[in-house]
C-alpha atoms as a PDB file:
ATOM      1  CA  MET A   1     108.650 180.917  24.291  1.00  0.00           C
ATOM      2  CA  ARG A   2     107.194 177.622  23.149  1.00  0.00           C
ATOM      3  CA  THR A   3     105.918 174.935  25.433  1.00  0.00           C
ATOM      4  CA  ASN A   4     106.096 171.316  24.163  1.00  0.00           C
ATOM      5  CA  ARG A   5     102.736 170.194  23.157  1.00  0.00           C
ATOM      6  CA  LYS A   6     102.955 166.893  25.001  1.00  0.00           C
ATOM      7  CA  ALA A   7     103.452 168.764  28.261  1.00  0.00           C
ATOM      8  CA  ALA A   8     101.264 171.786  27.498  1.00  0.00           C
ATOM      9  CA  GLY A   9      98.301 170.539  29.544  1.00  0.00           C
ATOM     10  CA  ARG A  10     100.267 169.609  32.606  1.00  0.00           C
ATOM     11  CA  THR A  11     102.513 172.740  32.377  1.00  0.00           C
ATOM     12  CA  ALA A  12      99.357 174.852  32.233  1.00  0.00           C
ATOM     13  CA  ALA A  13      98.073 173.046  35.391  1.00  0.00           C
ATOM     14  CA  ALA A  14     101.350 173.888  37.079  1.00  0.00           C
ATOM     15  CA  LEU A  15     101.065 177.505  36.229  1.00  0.00           C
ATOM     16  CA  LEU A  16      97.441 177.579  37.450  1.00  0.00           C
ATOM     17  CA  THR A  17      98.716 176.037  40.654  1.00  0.00           C
ATOM     18  CA  ALA A  18     101.360 178.756  40.916  1.00  0.00           C
ATOM     19  CA  CYS A  19      98.677 181.453  40.387  1.00  0.00           C
ATOM     20  CA  ALA A  20      96.562 179.900  43.179  1.00  0.00           C
ATOM     21  CA  LEU A  21      99.514 179.844  45.472  1.00  0.00           C
ATOM     22  CA  ALA A  22     100.110 183.525  44.803  1.00  0.00           C
ATOM     23  CA  LEU A  23      96.618 184.214  46.030  1.00  0.00           C
ATOM     24  CA  VAL A  24      97.422 182.168  49.160  1.00  0.00           C
ATOM     25  CA  ALA A  25     100.645 184.191  49.504  1.00  0.00           C
ATOM     26  CA  GLY A  26      98.731 187.432  49.527  1.00  0.00           C
ATOM     27  CA  CYS A  27      96.784 186.199  52.505  1.00  0.00           C
ATOM     28  CA  SER A  28      99.705 184.631  54.428  1.00  0.00           C
ATOM     29  CA  GLY A  29     102.712 186.660  53.485  1.00  0.00           C
ATOM     30  CA  SER A  30     106.341 187.254  54.572  1.00  0.00           C
ATOM     31  CA  GLY A  31     108.326 186.764  57.635  1.00  0.00           C
ATOM     32  CA  GLY A  32     111.349 185.212  59.264  1.00  0.00           C
ATOM     33  CA  LYS A  33     115.033 185.826  58.754  1.00  0.00           C
ATOM     34  CA  ASP A  34     114.875 185.933  54.930  1.00  0.00           C
ATOM     35  CA  SER A  35     112.328 188.773  54.786  1.00  0.00           C
ATOM     36  CA  GLU A  36     114.814 190.899  52.869  1.00  0.00           C
ATOM     37  CA  ASP A  37     113.490 189.094  49.772  1.00  0.00           C
ATOM     38  CA  LYS A  38     111.003 191.662  48.417  1.00  0.00           C
ATOM     39  CA  ALA A  39     107.903 191.087  46.307  1.00  0.00           C
ATOM     40  CA  ASP A  40     109.619 192.824  43.326  1.00  0.00           C
ATOM     41  CA  ASP A  41     112.345 190.144  43.538  1.00  0.00           C
ATOM     42  CA  GLY A  42     109.995 187.356  42.541  1.00  0.00           C
ATOM     43  CA  GLY A  43     107.401 186.851  45.276  1.00  0.00           C
ATOM     44  CA  GLY A  44     106.581 187.904  48.827  1.00  0.00           C
ATOM     45  CA  GLY A  45     103.689 189.526  50.629  1.00  0.00           C
ATOM     46  CA  THR A  46     102.783 190.250  54.264  1.00  0.00           C
ATOM     47  CA  ALA A  47     103.973 188.096  57.174  1.00  0.00           C
ATOM     48  CA  ALA A  48     102.377 184.719  57.739  1.00  0.00           C
ATOM     49  CA  LYS A  49     100.774 184.324  61.093  1.00  0.00           C
ATOM     50  CA  THR A  50     101.180 180.541  61.154  1.00  0.00           C
ATOM     51  CA  PRO A  51     103.680 178.813  63.579  1.00  0.00           C
ATOM     52  CA  ARG A  52     107.373 179.113  62.722  1.00  0.00           C
ATOM     53  CA  MET A  53     108.508 176.202  60.505  1.00  0.00           C
ATOM     54  CA  LYS A  54     112.011 174.724  59.737  1.00  0.00           C
ATOM     55  CA  ILE A  55     112.317 173.509  56.167  1.00  0.00           C
ATOM     56  CA  ALA A  56     115.598 171.957  54.768  1.00  0.00           C
ATOM     57  CA  MET A  57     116.593 171.376  51.129  1.00  0.00           C
ATOM     58  CA  VAL A  58     119.290 168.927  50.141  1.00  0.00           C
ATOM     59  CA  THR A  59     120.283 168.729  46.408  1.00  0.00           C
ATOM     60  CA  HIS A  60     122.861 167.074  44.250  1.00  0.00           C
ATOM     61  CA  SER A  61     124.440 170.390  43.119  1.00  0.00           C
ATOM     62  CA  GLY A  62     128.059 170.433  42.292  1.00  0.00           C
ATOM     63  CA  GLU A  63     130.261 173.305  43.343  1.00  0.00           C
ATOM     64  CA  GLY A  64     129.580 176.494  41.427  1.00  0.00           C
ATOM     65  CA  ASP A  65     126.447 175.381  39.685  1.00  0.00           C
ATOM     66  CA  SER A  66     124.375 178.577  39.376  1.00  0.00           C
ATOM     67  CA  PHE A  67     121.136 176.764  38.566  1.00  0.00           C
ATOM     68  CA  TRP A  68     120.741 175.961  42.278  1.00  0.00           C
ATOM     69  CA  ASP A  69     121.109 179.572  43.225  1.00  0.00           C
ATOM     70  CA  ILE A  70     117.939 180.230  41.282  1.00  0.00           C
ATOM     71  CA  VAL A  71     116.148 177.339  43.028  1.00  0.00           C
ATOM     72  CA  GLN A  72     117.217 178.727  46.397  1.00  0.00           C
ATOM     73  CA  SER A  73     115.972 182.214  45.458  1.00  0.00           C
ATOM     74  CA  GLY A  74     112.484 180.856  44.968  1.00  0.00           C
ATOM     75  CA  ALA A  75     112.636 178.780  48.159  1.00  0.00           C
ATOM     76  CA  LYS A  76     113.892 181.674  50.295  1.00  0.00           C
ATOM     77  CA  VAL A  77     111.097 184.008  49.056  1.00  0.00           C
ATOM     78  CA  ALA A  78     108.489 181.407  49.874  1.00  0.00           C
ATOM     79  CA  ALA A  79     109.979 180.612  53.262  1.00  0.00           C
ATOM     80  CA  ALA A  80     110.048 184.255  54.161  1.00  0.00           C
ATOM     81  CA  LYS A  81     106.395 184.628  53.216  1.00  0.00           C
ATOM     82  CA  ASP A  82     105.494 181.408  55.057  1.00  0.00           C
ATOM     83  CA  ASN A  83     107.340 182.281  58.267  1.00  0.00           C
ATOM     84  CA  ALA A  84     109.798 179.420  57.783  1.00  0.00           C
ATOM     85  CA  GLN A  85     113.490 179.088  58.478  1.00  0.00           C
ATOM     86  CA  PHE A  86     115.095 177.729  55.267  1.00  0.00           C
ATOM     87  CA  LEU A  87     118.182 175.498  55.426  1.00  0.00           C
ATOM     88  CA  TYR A  88     120.207 174.351  52.467  1.00  0.00           C
ATOM     89  CA  ALA A  89     122.989 171.808  51.834  1.00  0.00           C
ATOM     90  CA  ALA A  90     124.271 170.038  48.686  1.00  0.00           C
ATOM     91  CA  ASN A  91     126.658 167.342  47.542  1.00  0.00           C
ATOM     92  CA  LYS A  92     126.961 165.777  44.160  1.00  0.00           C
ATOM     93  CA  GLU A  93     127.581 162.340  45.655  1.00  0.00           C
ATOM     94  CA  GLY A  94     124.633 160.276  46.610  1.00  0.00           C
ATOM     95  CA  LYS A  95     126.188 158.826  49.844  1.00  0.00           C
ATOM     96  CA  GLU A  96     127.021 162.368  51.103  1.00  0.00           C
ATOM     97  CA  GLN A  97     123.568 163.676  50.125  1.00  0.00           C
ATOM     98  CA  ALA A  98     122.036 160.926  52.269  1.00  0.00           C
ATOM     99  CA  GLN A  99     124.203 161.956  55.204  1.00  0.00           C
ATOM    100  CA  LEU A 100     123.020 165.585  54.812  1.00  0.00           C
ATOM    101  CA  ILE A 101     119.420 164.407  54.823  1.00  0.00           C
ATOM    102  CA  GLN A 102     120.052 162.363  58.017  1.00  0.00           C
ATOM    103  CA  SER A 103     121.540 165.472  59.692  1.00  0.00           C
ATOM    104  CA  TYR A 104     118.309 167.399  59.047  1.00  0.00           C
ATOM    105  CA  ILE A 105     116.178 164.530  60.337  1.00  0.00           C
ATOM    106  CA  ASP A 106     118.323 164.689  63.488  1.00  0.00           C
ATOM    107  CA  GLN A 107     117.515 168.463  63.731  1.00  0.00           C
ATOM    108  CA  ASP A 108     113.801 167.531  63.624  1.00  0.00           C
ATOM    109  CA  VAL A 109     112.914 169.806  60.657  1.00  0.00           C
ATOM    110  CA  ASP A 110     109.312 170.301  59.800  1.00  0.00           C
ATOM    111  CA  GLY A 111     109.817 169.341  56.154  1.00  0.00           C
ATOM    112  CA  LEU A 112     112.393 168.175  53.630  1.00  0.00           C
ATOM    113  CA  ILE A 113     112.917 169.033  49.990  1.00  0.00           C
ATOM    114  CA  VAL A 114     115.284 166.676  48.124  1.00  0.00           C
ATOM    115  CA  THR A 115     116.394 165.783  44.649  1.00  0.00           C
ATOM    116  CA  LEU A 116     116.612 162.203  43.473  1.00  0.00           C
ATOM    117  CA  ALA A 117     119.452 162.339  40.939  1.00  0.00           C
ATOM    118  CA  LYS A 118     120.874 159.173  42.509  1.00  0.00           C
ATOM    119  CA  PRO A 119     117.707 157.749  44.020  1.00  0.00           C
ATOM    120  CA  GLU A 120     119.038 154.449  45.440  1.00  0.00           C
ATOM    121  CA  ALA A 121     121.599 156.315  47.549  1.00  0.00           C
ATOM    122  CA  VAL A 122     118.922 158.211  49.422  1.00  0.00           C
ATOM    123  CA  LYS A 123     116.070 155.681  49.456  1.00  0.00           C
ATOM    124  CA  ALA A 124     116.773 154.407  52.939  1.00  0.00           C
ATOM    125  CA  VAL A 125     117.265 157.755  54.628  1.00  0.00           C
ATOM    126  CA  LEU A 126     114.040 159.082  53.132  1.00  0.00           C
ATOM    127  CA  ALA A 127     112.265 156.067  54.592  1.00  0.00           C
ATOM    128  CA  LYS A 128     113.603 157.185  57.940  1.00  0.00           C
ATOM    129  CA  ALA A 129     112.274 160.700  57.379  1.00  0.00           C
ATOM    130  CA  THR A 130     108.742 159.540  56.536  1.00  0.00           C
ATOM    131  CA  ALA A 131     108.824 157.105  59.553  1.00  0.00           C
ATOM    132  CA  ALA A 132     109.709 160.048  61.706  1.00  0.00           C
ATOM    133  CA  GLY A 133     106.712 161.971  60.395  1.00  0.00           C
ATOM    134  CA  ILE A 134     108.670 164.491  58.397  1.00  0.00           C
ATOM    135  CA  PRO A 135     106.990 165.219  55.068  1.00  0.00           C
ATOM    136  CA  VAL A 136     109.127 165.150  51.942  1.00  0.00           C
ATOM    137  CA  VAL A 137     108.774 166.874  48.596  1.00  0.00           C
ATOM    138  CA  THR A 138     111.010 165.975  45.771  1.00  0.00           C
ATOM    139  CA  ILE A 139     112.097 168.495  43.110  1.00  0.00           C
ATOM    140  CA  ASN A 140     113.960 168.550  39.802  1.00  0.00           C
ATOM    141  CA  SER A 141     115.146 164.956  39.357  1.00  0.00           C
ATOM    142  CA  GLY A 142     113.917 161.373  39.813  1.00  0.00           C
ATOM    143  CA  ALA A 143     110.130 162.051  39.486  1.00  0.00           C
ATOM    144  CA  GLU A 144     109.431 158.413  38.879  1.00  0.00           C
ATOM    145  CA  PHE A 145     110.937 157.561  42.406  1.00  0.00           C
ATOM    146  CA  SER A 146     109.032 160.276  44.281  1.00  0.00           C
ATOM    147  CA  GLU A 147     105.871 158.468  45.089  1.00  0.00           C
ATOM    148  CA  PRO A 148     107.454 155.014  45.729  1.00  0.00           C
ATOM    149  CA  PHE A 149     109.876 156.721  48.225  1.00  0.00           C
ATOM    150  CA  GLY A 150     106.913 158.230  50.170  1.00  0.00           C
ATOM    151  CA  ALA A 151     107.141 161.833  49.048  1.00  0.00           C
ATOM    152  CA  LEU A 152     104.084 164.115  49.046  1.00  0.00           C
ATOM    153  CA  GLY A 153     104.732 164.884  45.389  1.00  0.00           C
ATOM    154  CA  HIS A 154     107.301 166.008  42.825  1.00  0.00           C
ATOM    155  CA  ILE A 155     107.883 169.474  41.343  1.00  0.00           C
ATOM    156  CA  GLY A 156     109.955 169.746  38.174  1.00  0.00           C
ATOM    157  CA  GLN A 157     109.967 168.931  34.468  1.00  0.00           C
ATOM    158  CA  ASP A 158     109.469 165.542  32.870  1.00  0.00           C
ATOM    159  CA  GLU A 159     113.045 164.970  31.602  1.00  0.00           C
ATOM    160  CA  ALA A 160     112.005 162.514  28.867  1.00  0.00           C
ATOM    161  CA  ILE A 161     109.457 165.057  27.423  1.00  0.00           C
ATOM    162  CA  ALA A 162     112.019 167.787  27.703  1.00  0.00           C
ATOM    163  CA  GLY A 163     114.506 165.673  25.807  1.00  0.00           C
ATOM    164  CA  GLU A 164     111.919 164.683  23.157  1.00  0.00           C
ATOM    165  CA  ALA A 165     111.102 168.462  22.642  1.00  0.00           C
ATOM    166  CA  VAL A 166     114.854 169.117  22.013  1.00  0.00           C
ATOM    167  CA  GLY A 167     114.969 166.303  19.438  1.00  0.00           C
ATOM    168  CA  GLU A 168     111.963 167.675  17.665  1.00  0.00           C
ATOM    169  CA  GLU A 169     113.442 171.126  17.600  1.00  0.00           C
ATOM    170  CA  LEU A 170     116.735 169.821  16.200  1.00  0.00           C
ATOM    171  CA  ASN A 171     114.807 168.196  13.409  1.00  0.00           C
ATOM    172  CA  LYS A 172     113.180 171.474  12.514  1.00  0.00           C
ATOM    173  CA  ARG A 173     116.630 173.060  12.409  1.00  0.00           C
ATOM    174  CA  GLY A 174     117.832 170.334   9.993  1.00  0.00           C
ATOM    175  CA  LYS A 175     120.518 169.047  12.260  1.00  0.00           C
ATOM    176  CA  LYS A 176     122.011 165.534  11.522  1.00  0.00           C
ATOM    177  CA  LYS A 177     124.497 164.698  14.352  1.00  0.00           C
ATOM    178  CA  ALA A 178     124.202 165.817  17.945  1.00  0.00           C
ATOM    179  CA  LEU A 179     126.630 165.670  20.823  1.00  0.00           C
ATOM    180  CA  CYS A 180     124.838 165.370  24.230  1.00  0.00           C
ATOM    181  CA  VAL A 181     127.102 166.458  26.992  1.00  0.00           C
ATOM    182  CA  ILE A 182     126.462 164.802  30.389  1.00  0.00           C
ATOM    183  CA  HIS A 183     128.154 166.709  33.147  1.00  0.00           C
ATOM    184  CA  GLU A 184     127.374 164.290  36.014  1.00  0.00           C
ATOM    185  CA  GLN A 185     127.712 160.625  35.223  1.00  0.00           C
ATOM    186  CA  GLY A 186     125.083 158.407  36.889  1.00  0.00           C
ATOM    187  CA  ASN A 187     122.529 161.250  37.219  1.00  0.00           C
ATOM    188  CA  VAL A 188     119.189 159.641  36.156  1.00  0.00           C
ATOM    189  CA  SER A 189     117.678 162.959  35.073  1.00  0.00           C
ATOM    190  CA  LEU A 190     120.570 163.905  32.730  1.00  0.00           C
ATOM    191  CA  GLU A 191     120.571 160.457  31.275  1.00  0.00           C
ATOM    192  CA  GLY A 192     116.851 160.795  30.657  1.00  0.00           C
ATOM    193  CA  ARG A 193     117.298 164.051  28.797  1.00  0.00           C
ATOM    194  CA  CYS A 194     119.799 162.530  26.352  1.00  0.00           C
ATOM    195  CA  ALA A 195     117.548 159.454  25.903  1.00  0.00           C
ATOM    196  CA  GLY A 196     114.582 161.762  25.091  1.00  0.00           C
ATOM    197  CA  VAL A 197     116.686 163.597  22.517  1.00  0.00           C
ATOM    198  CA  LYS A 198     117.540 160.192  20.937  1.00  0.00           C
ATOM    199  CA  LYS A 199     113.945 159.158  20.867  1.00  0.00           C
ATOM    200  CA  THR A 200     112.647 161.919  18.662  1.00  0.00           C
ATOM    201  CA  PHE A 201     115.822 163.131  16.790  1.00  0.00           C
ATOM    202  CA  GLU A 202     115.999 161.792  13.256  1.00  0.00           C
ATOM    203  CA  GLY A 203     119.742 162.130  13.199  1.00  0.00           C
ATOM    204  CA  THR A 204     122.297 160.469  15.416  1.00  0.00           C
ATOM    205  CA  VAL A 205     123.142 161.329  19.042  1.00  0.00           C
ATOM    206  CA  GLU A 206     126.391 160.592  20.788  1.00  0.00           C
ATOM    207  CA  ASN A 207     126.751 161.054  24.576  1.00  0.00           C
ATOM    208  CA  LEU A 208     129.823 162.656  26.031  1.00  0.00           C
ATOM    209  CA  ASN A 209     130.575 162.366  29.826  1.00  0.00           C
ATOM    210  CA  VAL A 210     132.556 165.205  31.213  1.00  0.00           C
ATOM    211  CA  GLU A 211     133.829 166.261  34.622  1.00  0.00           C
ATOM    212  CA  GLY A 212     131.135 168.976  35.377  1.00  0.00           C
ATOM    213  CA  THR A 213     132.855 170.382  38.472  1.00  0.00           C
ATOM    214  CA  ASN A 214     135.998 171.037  36.414  1.00  0.00           C
ATOM    215  CA  MET A 215     135.136 173.586  33.811  1.00  0.00           C
ATOM    216  CA  PRO A 216     138.536 173.783  32.039  1.00  0.00           C
ATOM    217  CA  ALA A 217     138.572 170.043  31.720  1.00  0.00           C
ATOM    218  CA  THR A 218     134.952 170.081  30.396  1.00  0.00           C
ATOM    219  CA  THR A 219     135.814 172.647  27.789  1.00  0.00           C
ATOM    220  CA  SER A 220     138.823 170.621  26.711  1.00  0.00           C
ATOM    221  CA  SER A 221     136.821 167.476  26.418  1.00  0.00           C
ATOM    222  CA  ILE A 222     134.203 169.121  24.235  1.00  0.00           C
ATOM    223  CA  GLU A 223     136.811 170.877  22.089  1.00  0.00           C
ATOM    224  CA  ALA A 224     138.635 167.516  21.536  1.00  0.00           C
ATOM    225  CA  LYS A 225     135.418 165.841  20.404  1.00  0.00           C
ATOM    226  CA  LEU A 226     134.580 168.632  17.978  1.00  0.00           C
ATOM    227  CA  GLN A 227     137.971 168.464  16.469  1.00  0.00           C
ATOM    228  CA  SER A 228     137.801 164.692  16.011  1.00  0.00           C
ATOM    229  CA  ALA A 229     134.226 164.545  14.746  1.00  0.00           C
ATOM    230  CA  LYS A 230     133.761 167.327  12.278  1.00  0.00           C
ATOM    231  CA  ASP A 231     130.285 166.143  11.301  1.00  0.00           C
ATOM    232  CA  ILE A 232     128.783 167.092  14.642  1.00  0.00           C
ATOM    233  CA  ASP A 233     126.485 170.000  13.765  1.00  0.00           C
ATOM    234  CA  THR A 234     124.909 170.637  17.181  1.00  0.00           C
ATOM    235  CA  VAL A 235     126.014 170.329  20.867  1.00  0.00           C
ATOM    236  CA  VAL A 236     123.339 169.854  23.459  1.00  0.00           C
ATOM    237  CA  THR A 237     124.404 170.696  26.978  1.00  0.00           C
ATOM    238  CA  LEU A 238     122.409 169.768  30.001  1.00  0.00           C
ATOM    239  CA  GLY A 239     123.042 172.778  32.221  1.00  0.00           C
ATOM    240  CA  ALA A 240     123.511 176.547  31.563  1.00  0.00           C
ATOM    241  CA  PRO A 241     127.116 176.769  32.697  1.00  0.00           C
ATOM    242  CA  PHE A 242     128.119 174.148  30.151  1.00  0.00           C
ATOM    243  CA  ALA A 243     126.670 176.113  27.279  1.00  0.00           C
ATOM    244  CA  ALA A 244     129.368 178.766  27.837  1.00  0.00           C
ATOM    245  CA  ALA A 245     131.997 176.142  27.874  1.00  0.00           C
ATOM    246  CA  SER A 246     130.724 174.604  24.584  1.00  0.00           C
ATOM    247  CA  VAL A 247     130.709 178.056  22.987  1.00  0.00           C
ATOM    248  CA  LYS A 248     134.372 178.465  23.895  1.00  0.00           C
ATOM    249  CA  ALA A 249     135.197 174.919  22.875  1.00  0.00           C
ATOM    250  CA  LYS A 250     133.443 175.360  19.446  1.00  0.00           C
ATOM    251  CA  GLU A 251     135.503 178.488  18.751  1.00  0.00           C
ATOM    252  CA  SER A 252     138.840 176.806  19.680  1.00  0.00           C
ATOM    253  CA  ALA A 253     137.974 173.730  17.572  1.00  0.00           C
ATOM    254  CA  GLY A 254     136.900 175.787  14.574  1.00  0.00           C
ATOM    255  CA  SER A 255     133.583 173.972  14.489  1.00  0.00           C
ATOM    256  CA  GLY A 256     130.400 175.119  12.921  1.00  0.00           C
ATOM    257  CA  ALA A 257     128.181 173.237  15.340  1.00  0.00           C
ATOM    258  CA  GLU A 258     125.164 175.013  16.853  1.00  0.00           C
ATOM    259  CA  ILE A 259     125.180 175.173  20.668  1.00  0.00           C
ATOM    260  CA  ASN A 260     121.859 174.461  22.441  1.00  0.00           C
ATOM    261  CA  THR A 261     121.220 173.932  26.109  1.00  0.00           C
ATOM    262  CA  PHE A 262     118.973 172.875  28.809  1.00  0.00           C
ATOM    263  CA  ASP A 263     118.351 175.467  31.576  1.00  0.00           C
ATOM    264  CA  LEU A 264     118.414 179.214  31.645  1.00  0.00           C
ATOM    265  CA  ASN A 265     120.348 181.918  33.357  1.00  0.00           C
ATOM    266  CA  GLU A 266     121.618 185.442  32.760  1.00  0.00           C
ATOM    267  CA  ASP A 267     124.639 184.280  30.716  1.00  0.00           C
ATOM    268  CA  VAL A 268     122.478 182.052  28.537  1.00  0.00           C
ATOM    269  CA  VAL A 269     120.101 184.959  27.774  1.00  0.00           C
ATOM    270  CA  LYS A 270     123.053 187.014  26.799  1.00  0.00           C
ATOM    271  CA  GLN A 271     124.358 184.238  24.512  1.00  0.00           C
ATOM    272  CA  LEU A 272     120.879 183.807  22.957  1.00  0.00           C
ATOM    273  CA  LYS A 273     120.890 187.603  22.233  1.00  0.00           C
ATOM    274  CA  ALA A 274     124.216 187.359  20.700  1.00  0.00           C
ATOM    275  CA  LYS A 275     123.139 184.249  18.707  1.00  0.00           C
ATOM    276  CA  GLU A 276     125.887 182.190  20.213  1.00  0.00           C
ATOM    277  CA  ILE A 277     123.213 179.708  21.395  1.00  0.00           C
ATOM    278  CA  GLY A 278     120.263 178.591  19.208  1.00  0.00           C
ATOM    279  CA  PHE A 279     117.760 177.809  21.928  1.00  0.00           C
ATOM    280  CA  ALA A 280     117.519 176.870  25.653  1.00  0.00           C
ATOM    281  CA  VAL A 281     115.093 174.634  27.590  1.00  0.00           C
ATOM    282  CA  ASP A 282     113.584 176.510  30.504  1.00  0.00           C
ATOM    283  CA  GLN A 283     112.421 174.394  33.457  1.00  0.00           C
ATOM    284  CA  GLN A 284     111.798 177.312  35.825  1.00  0.00           C
ATOM    285  CA  PRO A 285     113.984 176.432  38.711  1.00  0.00           C
ATOM    286  CA  TYR A 286     112.767 179.433  40.826  1.00  0.00           C
ATOM    287  CA  LEU A 287     109.290 177.886  40.609  1.00  0.00           C
ATOM    288  CA  GLN A 288     110.634 174.510  41.807  1.00  0.00           C
ATOM    289  CA  GLY A 289     112.104 176.008  44.985  1.00  0.00           C
ATOM    290  CA  TYR A 290     109.067 178.302  45.627  1.00  0.00           C
ATOM    291  CA  LEU A 291     106.361 175.651  45.146  1.00  0.00           C
ATOM    292  CA  ALA A 292     108.265 173.076  47.199  1.00  0.00           C
ATOM    293  CA  VAL A 293     108.384 175.335  50.199  1.00  0.00           C
ATOM    294  CA  ASP A 294     104.754 176.330  49.743  1.00  0.00           C
ATOM    295  CA  GLU A 295     103.683 172.708  49.468  1.00  0.00           C
ATOM    296  CA  LEU A 296     105.159 171.860  52.878  1.00  0.00           C
ATOM    297  CA  TRP A 297     103.551 175.006  54.353  1.00  0.00           C
ATOM    298  CA  LEU A 298     100.160 174.193  52.793  1.00  0.00           C
ATOM    299  CA  LYS A 299     100.308 170.581  53.975  1.00  0.00           C
ATOM    300  CA  LYS A 300     101.063 171.582  57.603  1.00  0.00           C
ATOM    301  CA  ASN A 301      98.663 174.476  57.756  1.00  0.00           C
ATOM    302  CA  ASN A 302      95.758 173.400  55.470  1.00  0.00           C
ATOM    303  CA  GLY A 303      96.192 169.657  54.771  1.00  0.00           C
ATOM    304  CA  ASN A 304      96.787 170.402  51.004  1.00  0.00           C
ATOM    305  CA  VAL A 305      98.783 168.308  48.581  1.00  0.00           C
ATOM    306  CA  ILE A 306      99.600 170.209  45.385  1.00  0.00           C
ATOM    307  CA  GLY A 307      98.621 168.260  42.238  1.00  0.00           C
ATOM    308  CA  GLY A 308      96.944 165.627  44.229  1.00  0.00           C
ATOM    309  CA  GLY A 309     100.255 163.811  44.680  1.00  0.00           C
ATOM    310  CA  LYS A 310     100.918 163.753  40.923  1.00  0.00           C
ATOM    311  CA  PRO A 311     104.034 165.501  39.477  1.00  0.00           C
ATOM    312  CA  VAL A 312     103.571 169.200  39.025  1.00  0.00           C
ATOM    313  CA  LEU A 313     105.475 170.276  35.844  1.00  0.00           C
ATOM    314  CA  THR A 314     107.422 173.518  35.706  1.00  0.00           C
ATOM    315  CA  GLY A 315     108.633 172.913  32.094  1.00  0.00           C
ATOM    316  CA  PRO A 316     109.835 172.406  29.481  1.00  0.00           C
ATOM    317  CA  ALA A 317     109.524 175.543  27.373  1.00  0.00           C
ATOM    318  CA  LEU A 318     111.865 176.326  24.513  1.00  0.00           C
ATOM    319  CA  VAL A 319     113.294 179.891  24.454  1.00  0.00           C
ATOM    320  CA  THR A 320     115.191 181.612  21.680  1.00  0.00           C
ATOM    321  CA  GLU A 321     116.537 185.052  20.907  1.00  0.00           C
ATOM    322  CA  LYS A 322     112.947 186.242  20.313  1.00  0.00           C
ATOM    323  CA  ASP A 323     112.172 185.706  24.018  1.00  0.00           C
ATOM    324  CA  VAL A 324     115.203 187.661  25.338  1.00  0.00           C
ATOM    325  CA  PRO A 325     113.362 191.039  25.842  1.00  0.00           C
ATOM    326  CA  ALA A 326     110.794 189.385  28.087  1.00  0.00           C
ATOM    327  CA  LEU A 327     113.451 187.461  30.121  1.00  0.00           C
ATOM    328  CA  GLU A 328     116.400 189.875  30.657  1.00  0.00           C
ATOM    329  CA  LYS A 329     115.109 191.657  33.719  1.00  0.00           C
ATOM    330  CA  PHE A 330     114.288 188.366  35.472  1.00  0.00           C
ATOM    331  CA  THR A 331     117.539 186.587  34.683  1.00  0.00           C
ATOM    332  CA  ALA A 332     119.501 189.689  35.755  1.00  0.00           C
ATOM    333  CA  ARG A 333     118.109 189.465  39.242  1.00  0.00           C
ATOM    334  CA  GLY A 334     118.526 185.686  39.424  1.00  0.00           C
ATOM    335  CA  THR A 335     114.955 184.535  39.375  1.00  0.00           C
ATOM    336  CA  ARG A 336     114.850 182.929  35.842  1.00  0.00           C
END
């Protein structure tokens, strides 16, 4: 597993933070309705003796996106440890996401965790949350909007740095033309990834917008592009489920393009092992959910702000088939 040198210092800081939180967890522990999440499933400890909290997460997940299952896994373990009730809702549309956030404000939650994929759509409702005294932590997307929108901090990877790391890796692999597949049009983080690839890649990059919630249509779109542009020698997908679609599209199109992807799950690890995928970018979604819940708990119970309000990076790290043995057991249980 290789961590991009530009992010190495900040990624290391994030890991040190995670270790520090693990020590806190050992003192505060598990409890609440999600206590079935055991320590050998990625976290846990003994029950917290702090007052019961209610923490809600609202993301931009589309239907069937397994990435967010991993984020929730981390959040649930931290919530159980911190004696917190964990609530979750998602919608890929910004307007609906704002409505979900408002519903949790109306429930008087003790903390909010949100994504900023479409930041302007949720700006006003987040102002309402902070005005109501509800602390907000942002995760995954829109890091540059986190502080201006009044959040305690942001937990995720720097999408530009992640994209740049991919461009540099493609150069090492001798690639000349890349297809960057955007599965949610208007998502600032996805656009940032492709922009990062373009910045460092010495070849050419073409973006392809697909309907990410319709996998057959996505596969067909990628296949059609590979058939019409035979000089594409690598496809970069921006989410793990779309790597499998690209592998299928490549086979149907008779293309020799290498498939590479952002994000990691059990299927991607299997595809790495089978050499159907060249490399994946791991942003550790489990850690995003876990640390976000812990940040809200620490703020309420000890006045802490992780990272001093600066973004806490959980990636990127590039993984290849060489990393499969170390990752298989974690992806199989849904924590990586």
